[in-house]
Amino acid sequence: MKAAWYERQGGADDVLQVGTLPDPTPQAGEVRIRLAFSGINPGDVKKRTDAFGYGMSYPRVIPHSDGSGFIDQVGEGVAGERLGERVWCFGAQSYRPFGTAAEYVVVPESHAVALADHIELAVGATLGIPGITAHRAVHAAGDVHHKTVWVQGAGGAVADCAIALARHAGAQVIATSRSEQGAASGLAAGAQVALRTDQAHMASTIEHLQKLRPDHIVEVDLAGNIDMDEKVLGVGGTIASYASSAADTTIPFWRLLFKNITLHLLGSDDFPLTAKVEAAKAINQTLAAGWPGPAIAEVFKLEQIAAAHRAVECGTAGKGRIVVTLGEGPA
């Protein structure tokens, strides 16, 4: 099969290579997907650059955890009816060496989720990490039906998924962003209210949020936003954070404690499988209800994978997600 991989960490142009590797074969409980698209997440870039200092977990890594395509082989114990099924997948390179930047990928059956015909395959390749992280962030503190959920960082992949999933779950949703484009993206994803958090709008936004009094915050930058979060949340409020601009984050401990605020820290690779499966179900339900899924900014060929990684790394994906195409349609 044609694939992209790296055998050492570093810059995209320095370490990513494209060539031919043996086709994988599914083992018991697994399926093989002939991939149409591979989705790139910031975490894929961070693994390649060793941003977290963990080094290489495997001698060779085919990157990317998310993808879409058609099941073309099944392992022992998997129903034959799944052959030919149009799917999106998650977790392909979570604690596994060979992800979706290849013509084929093998994943546990539970990681291959049916994709409705009306959803483009390219969109399917963007659902995994952002969608599952978003679902966990929305529901980490419990049911949000009839509650007010504030989603920070509208316009980002996880945030916009969280907005759509929170609305589908029956929440009132507030979206905030530093940019006009992000605020507009939050409204498009389903938020009833969108506010700006850039310097020019911050004071009025905090005042507005204090009146709306959210019950739960989906937080994209714990270090940068925790003081604002504390000002807005009432007693018993909750925060679910999946990212931070600082590795060592200081929190206003006593102010949070006196309000009995609960903080949930979310690492998507280590969510329980039951939570991932529940999230996948909710994502499909939200798509069926009319959510179009994340926008696609640009599609690269596999041979252009270094350029695709640079686009993610440099933030040039501003208007949507970056995906790599591997050829649409079943074999």
Protein backbone atom coordinates (compact mmCIF):
# COMPACT_ATOMS: atom_id res chain seq x y z
CA MET A 1 0.00 0.00 0.00
CA LYS A 2 1.01 3.63 -0.44
CA ALA A 3 1.60 5.30 2.91
CA ALA A 4 3.30 8.21 4.67
CA TRP A 5 5.39 7.72 7.78
CA TYR A 6 8.21 9.01 9.94
CA GLU A 7 10.97 7.17 11.81
CA ARG A 8 12.24 10.13 13.81
CA GLN A 9 10.63 13.27 15.14
CA GLY A 10 11.16 16.72 13.70
CA GLY A 11 9.99 19.13 11.02
CA ALA A 12 7.46 17.97 8.47
CA ASP A 13 9.79 18.35 5.49
CA ASP A 14 12.63 16.67 7.37
CA VAL A 15 10.97 13.51 8.67
CA LEU A 16 7.80 12.72 6.70
CA GLN A 17 8.29 10.33 3.81
CA VAL A 18 5.93 8.67 1.34
CA GLY A 19 6.44 5.21 -0.11
CA THR A 20 5.13 1.66 -0.15
CA LEU A 21 4.55 -0.59 2.86
CA PRO A 22 2.93 -4.05 3.18
CA ASP A 23 -0.87 -4.10 3.30
CA PRO A 24 -2.17 -4.68 6.85
CA THR A 25 -4.42 -7.62 7.74
CA PRO A 26 -7.15 -7.41 10.39
CA GLN A 27 -6.89 -9.68 13.42
CA ALA A 28 -9.79 -10.97 15.52
CA GLY A 29 -12.23 -8.18 16.37
CA GLU A 30 -10.70 -5.78 13.84
CA VAL A 31 -11.68 -4.36 10.46
CA ARG A 32 -9.58 -3.06 7.61
CA ILE A 33 -10.63 0.21 5.99
CA ARG A 34 -9.72 1.21 2.46
CA LEU A 35 -9.27 4.89 3.21
CA ALA A 36 -10.67 7.74 1.17
CA PHE A 37 -9.53 10.59 3.44
CA SER A 38 -7.23 11.06 6.41
CA GLY A 39 -7.91 13.89 8.85
CA ILE A 40 -5.07 15.84 10.50
CA ASN A 41 -5.38 17.10 14.07
CA PRO A 42 -3.03 19.38 16.05
CA GLY A 43 -2.13 16.34 18.15
CA ASP A 44 -0.70 14.62 15.07
CA VAL A 45 1.64 17.56 14.55
CA LYS A 46 2.60 17.58 18.25
CA LYS A 47 3.44 13.87 18.18
CA ARG A 48 5.63 14.36 15.11
CA THR A 49 7.47 17.31 16.67
CA ASP A 50 7.69 15.69 20.13
CA ALA A 51 5.94 18.69 21.65
CA PHE A 52 5.18 16.78 24.86
CA GLY A 53 8.66 15.25 25.24
CA TYR A 54 7.53 11.61 25.11
CA GLY A 55 9.79 10.64 22.21
CA MET A 56 9.02 7.95 19.64
CA SER A 57 6.66 5.29 20.97
CA TYR A 58 7.28 3.09 17.93
CA PRO A 59 10.20 2.75 15.47
CA ARG A 60 7.93 3.79 12.60
CA VAL A 61 4.72 5.84 12.80
CA ILE A 62 2.08 6.24 10.12
CA PRO A 63 0.43 9.42 11.47
CA HIS A 64 -3.19 10.52 11.95
CA SER A 65 -5.90 8.94 14.07
CA ASP A 66 -8.99 9.98 12.08
CA GLY A 67 -10.13 8.86 8.65
CA SER A 68 -12.97 7.70 6.43
CA GLY A 69 -13.51 5.08 3.76
CA PHE A 70 -14.98 1.61 3.24
CA ILE A 71 -14.48 -1.60 5.20
CA ASP A 72 -12.88 -4.10 2.81
CA GLN A 73 -11.76 -6.87 5.19
CA VAL A 74 -12.98 -8.12 8.56
CA GLY A 75 -11.24 -10.19 11.20
CA GLU A 76 -12.55 -13.19 13.08
CA GLY A 77 -15.63 -12.40 15.11
CA VAL A 78 -16.72 -9.42 12.99
CA ALA A 79 -19.99 -9.78 11.06
CA GLY A 80 -19.48 -10.15 7.32
CA GLU A 81 -22.31 -7.69 6.79
CA ARG A 82 -19.84 -4.92 7.60
CA LEU A 83 -17.92 -5.54 4.37
CA GLY A 84 -18.37 -2.55 2.07
CA GLU A 85 -19.74 -0.36 4.86
CA ARG A 86 -19.05 3.37 4.51
CA VAL A 87 -17.40 4.47 7.76
CA TRP A 88 -15.50 7.10 9.71
CA CYS A 89 -12.89 5.94 12.18
CA PHE A 90 -11.16 7.21 15.32
CA GLY A 91 -8.19 6.23 17.44
CA ALA A 92 -6.20 4.63 14.61
CA GLN A 93 -2.92 6.05 15.97
CA SER A 94 -3.82 6.22 19.65
CA TYR A 95 -1.44 3.75 21.34
CA ARG A 96 -1.00 2.20 17.90
CA PRO A 97 1.82 2.74 15.37
CA PHE A 98 -0.09 2.81 12.10
CA GLY A 99 -2.64 5.55 11.51
CA THR A 100 -4.72 6.72 8.58
CA ALA A 101 -2.09 8.39 6.35
CA ALA A 102 -2.15 5.31 4.13
CA GLU A 103 -4.35 3.49 1.64
CA TYR A 104 -5.42 1.00 4.34
CA VAL A 105 -5.76 1.05 8.10
CA VAL A 106 -6.73 -1.67 10.60
CA VAL A 107 -8.70 -0.65 13.70
CA PRO A 108 -10.85 -2.38 16.34
CA GLU A 109 -14.38 -2.85 15.03
CA SER A 110 -15.75 -0.39 17.59
CA HIS A 111 -13.51 2.33 16.13
CA ALA A 112 -15.16 2.10 12.69
CA VAL A 113 -18.48 3.97 12.75
CA ALA A 114 -21.12 3.93 10.01
CA LEU A 115 -21.20 7.16 8.00
CA ALA A 116 -24.49 8.29 6.48
CA ASP A 117 -24.54 8.60 2.70
CA HIS A 118 -25.45 12.30 2.83
CA ILE A 119 -22.23 13.18 4.71
CA GLU A 120 -19.19 13.66 2.51
CA LEU A 121 -16.31 11.28 3.16
CA ALA A 122 -13.96 14.22 3.62
CA VAL A 123 -16.15 15.44 6.49
CA GLY A 124 -16.18 11.95 7.97
CA ALA A 125 -12.40 12.09 8.27
CA THR A 126 -12.66 15.12 10.59
CA LEU A 127 -15.07 13.71 13.16
CA GLY A 128 -12.95 11.48 15.39
CA ILE A 129 -10.73 13.35 17.84
CA PRO A 130 -12.59 16.71 17.67
CA GLY A 131 -16.05 15.16 17.91
CA ILE A 132 -15.25 12.70 20.68
CA THR A 133 -13.32 15.31 22.66
CA ALA A 134 -16.19 17.76 22.21
CA HIS A 135 -18.79 15.26 23.39
CA ARG A 136 -16.78 14.46 26.49
CA ALA A 137 -16.23 18.16 27.17
CA VAL A 138 -19.95 18.88 26.91
CA HIS A 139 -21.07 15.96 29.08
CA ALA A 140 -18.16 15.58 31.56
CA ALA A 141 -20.23 17.16 34.35
CA GLY A 142 -23.47 15.39 33.47
CA ASP A 143 -26.63 16.00 31.49
CA VAL A 144 -26.83 19.46 29.89
CA HIS A 145 -30.49 19.36 28.89
CA HIS A 146 -32.07 22.73 29.75
CA LYS A 147 -28.71 24.00 31.04
CA THR A 148 -26.58 26.83 29.68
CA VAL A 149 -23.27 25.76 28.17
CA TRP A 150 -20.59 28.30 27.30
CA VAL A 151 -18.14 27.12 24.61
CA GLN A 152 -14.86 29.03 24.39
CA GLY A 153 -12.85 29.21 21.14
CA ALA A 154 -15.66 29.11 18.59
CA GLY A 155 -14.27 28.56 15.13
CA GLY A 156 -11.98 25.80 16.37
CA ALA A 157 -12.65 22.18 15.47
CA VAL A 158 -13.48 20.92 18.97
CA ALA A 159 -15.43 24.05 19.93
CA ASP A 160 -17.71 23.97 16.90
CA CYS A 161 -18.37 20.26 17.41
CA ALA A 162 -19.14 20.98 21.07
CA ILE A 163 -21.63 23.69 20.09
CA ALA A 164 -23.47 21.34 17.75
CA LEU A 165 -23.48 18.46 20.25
CA ALA A 166 -24.61 20.66 23.15
CA ARG A 167 -27.51 22.04 21.10
CA HIS A 168 -28.49 18.51 20.07
CA ALA A 169 -28.46 17.53 23.77
CA GLY A 170 -30.95 20.31 24.56
CA ALA A 171 -28.64 22.96 26.02
CA GLN A 172 -28.74 26.70 25.59
CA VAL A 173 -25.36 27.46 24.01
CA ILE A 174 -23.18 30.56 24.22
CA ALA A 175 -20.16 30.73 21.90
CA THR A 176 -17.20 33.05 22.39
CA SER A 177 -14.24 33.81 20.18
CA ARG A 178 -11.51 36.41 19.86
CA SER A 179 -12.39 36.90 16.18
CA GLU A 180 -15.45 37.93 14.22
CA GLN A 181 -14.96 34.87 11.99
CA GLY A 182 -14.92 32.57 15.02
CA ALA A 183 -18.08 34.09 16.45
CA ALA A 184 -19.83 33.65 13.10
CA SER A 185 -18.66 30.04 13.01
CA GLY A 186 -20.15 29.50 16.46
CA LEU A 187 -23.53 30.78 15.31
CA ALA A 188 -23.34 28.57 12.22
CA ALA A 189 -22.62 25.56 14.45
CA GLY A 190 -25.80 26.24 16.42
CA ALA A 191 -25.05 28.68 19.25
CA GLN A 192 -27.92 30.97 20.19
CA VAL A 193 -25.52 33.69 21.37
CA ALA A 194 -22.03 34.53 20.07
CA LEU A 195 -19.76 37.03 21.81
CA ARG A 196 -16.25 38.37 21.27
CA THR A 197 -13.43 37.96 23.80
CA ASP A 198 -10.81 40.18 22.17
CA GLN A 199 -9.57 43.14 24.21
CA ALA A 200 -12.01 45.63 22.68
CA HIS A 201 -15.05 43.52 23.62
CA MET A 202 -13.89 41.75 26.81
CA ALA A 203 -15.55 43.98 29.43
CA SER A 204 -18.97 43.98 27.78
CA THR A 205 -18.72 40.24 27.09
CA ILE A 206 -18.00 39.43 30.73
CA GLU A 207 -20.93 41.59 31.80
CA HIS A 208 -23.19 39.82 29.31
CA LEU A 209 -21.99 36.38 30.41
CA GLN A 210 -22.56 37.20 34.08
CA LYS A 211 -26.18 37.97 33.24
CA LEU A 212 -26.57 34.73 31.26
CA ARG A 213 -24.82 32.80 34.07
CA PRO A 214 -23.67 29.59 32.31
CA ASP A 215 -23.76 26.31 34.20
CA HIS A 216 -20.87 24.67 32.34
CA ILE A 217 -17.87 25.83 30.30
CA VAL A 218 -16.14 23.96 27.47
CA GLU A 219 -12.65 25.45 27.73
CA VAL A 220 -10.02 25.61 24.97
CA ASP A 221 -7.38 27.53 26.97
CA LEU A 222 -7.45 26.95 30.71
CA ALA A 223 -4.36 29.08 31.40
CA GLY A 224 -5.57 32.01 29.35
CA ASN A 225 -9.21 32.01 30.39
CA ILE A 226 -9.48 30.67 33.95
CA ASP A 227 -9.80 34.13 35.55
CA MET A 228 -12.61 35.07 33.18
CA ASP A 229 -14.28 31.68 33.73
CA GLU A 230 -14.26 32.17 37.50
CA LYS A 231 -15.76 35.64 37.21
CA VAL A 232 -18.67 34.33 35.17
CA LEU A 233 -19.50 31.00 36.81
CA GLY A 234 -21.84 30.85 39.76
CA VAL A 235 -21.73 28.49 42.74
CA GLY A 236 -21.55 24.87 41.64
CA GLY A 237 -20.44 25.68 38.08
CA THR A 238 -18.28 23.30 36.09
CA ILE A 239 -15.42 23.59 33.60
CA ALA A 240 -14.20 20.93 31.16
CA SER A 241 -10.85 21.82 29.60
CA TYR A 242 -9.19 19.92 26.77
CA ALA A 243 -6.28 22.33 26.12
CA SER A 244 -4.18 25.10 27.64
CA SER A 245 -1.71 27.64 26.33
CA ALA A 246 0.66 26.88 29.21
CA ALA A 247 1.95 23.47 30.28
CA ASP A 248 2.06 24.64 33.91
CA THR A 249 -1.23 26.39 34.56
CA THR A 250 -1.93 28.46 37.67
CA ILE A 251 -5.53 28.52 38.90
CA PRO A 252 -7.25 30.91 41.35
CA PHE A 253 -7.70 28.11 43.86
CA TRP A 254 -9.57 29.86 46.65
CA ARG A 255 -11.92 31.76 44.34
CA LEU A 256 -12.82 28.49 42.62
CA LEU A 257 -13.13 26.66 45.94
CA PHE A 258 -15.46 29.21 47.54
CA LYS A 259 -17.79 28.82 44.54
CA ASN A 260 -17.50 25.01 44.66
CA ILE A 261 -16.48 24.99 40.99
CA THR A 262 -15.51 21.60 39.55
CA LEU A 263 -12.72 21.33 36.99
CA HIS A 264 -12.53 18.41 34.54
CA LEU A 265 -9.27 17.86 32.60
CA LEU A 266 -9.74 15.85 29.43
CA GLY A 267 -7.15 13.81 27.50
CA SER A 268 -8.88 12.24 24.50
CA ASP A 269 -6.59 9.23 24.04
CA ASP A 270 -7.53 7.94 27.49
CA PHE A 271 -11.28 8.39 27.49
CA PRO A 272 -13.02 5.10 28.39
CA LEU A 273 -14.09 3.13 25.32
CA THR A 274 -17.71 3.33 26.48
CA ALA A 275 -17.46 7.14 26.41
CA LYS A 276 -15.97 7.07 22.90
CA VAL A 277 -18.71 4.77 21.62
CA GLU A 278 -21.39 6.95 23.24
CA ALA A 279 -19.80 10.01 21.64
CA ALA A 280 -19.73 8.38 18.21
CA LYS A 281 -23.42 7.59 18.52
CA ALA A 282 -24.22 11.18 19.50
CA ILE A 283 -22.13 12.55 16.63
CA ASN A 284 -24.06 10.44 14.13
CA GLN A 285 -27.37 11.49 15.67
CA THR A 286 -26.38 15.15 15.41
CA LEU A 287 -25.39 14.67 11.76
CA ALA A 288 -28.73 12.95 11.08
CA ALA A 289 -30.52 15.91 12.70
CA GLY A 290 -29.00 18.30 10.17
CA TRP A 291 -25.57 19.29 11.45
CA PRO A 292 -23.28 19.32 8.36
CA GLY A 293 -20.14 18.52 10.33
CA PRO A 294 -16.87 20.47 10.30
CA ALA A 295 -16.03 22.63 7.29
CA ILE A 296 -13.15 21.55 5.04
CA ALA A 297 -10.58 24.26 4.33
CA GLU A 298 -8.22 22.38 2.02
CA VAL A 299 -7.55 18.90 0.65
CA PHE A 300 -4.00 17.69 0.02
CA LYS A 301 -2.74 14.59 -1.80
CA LEU A 302 -0.75 12.04 0.21
CA GLU A 303 2.41 13.13 -1.60
CA GLN A 304 1.78 16.62 -0.18
CA ILE A 305 1.53 15.47 3.44
CA ALA A 306 4.38 17.71 4.60
CA ALA A 307 2.58 20.75 3.20
CA ALA A 308 -0.64 19.57 4.86
CA HIS A 309 1.12 19.32 8.22
CA ARG A 310 2.60 22.79 7.76
CA ALA A 311 -0.88 24.15 7.09
CA VAL A 312 -2.12 22.73 10.38
CA GLU A 313 1.02 23.76 12.27
CA CYS A 314 0.99 27.34 10.99
CA GLY A 315 -2.73 27.84 11.45
CA THR A 316 -3.41 28.44 7.76
CA ALA A 317 -6.43 26.16 8.12
CA GLY A 318 -8.36 29.13 9.57
CA LYS A 319 -11.55 28.48 7.62
CA GLY A 320 -11.87 24.77 8.36
CA ARG A 321 -10.13 21.41 8.57
CA ILE A 322 -7.22 20.02 6.60
CA VAL A 323 -7.54 16.51 5.14
CA VAL A 324 -5.44 14.25 2.95
CA THR A 325 -7.11 12.43 0.06
CA LEU A 326 -6.35 8.79 -0.64
CA GLY A 327 -8.96 8.08 -3.34
CA GLU A 328 -12.73 7.87 -2.90
CA GLY A 329 -14.93 4.84 -3.42
CA PRO A 330 -14.78 1.15 -2.45
CA ALA A 331 -12.20 -1.09 -4.13
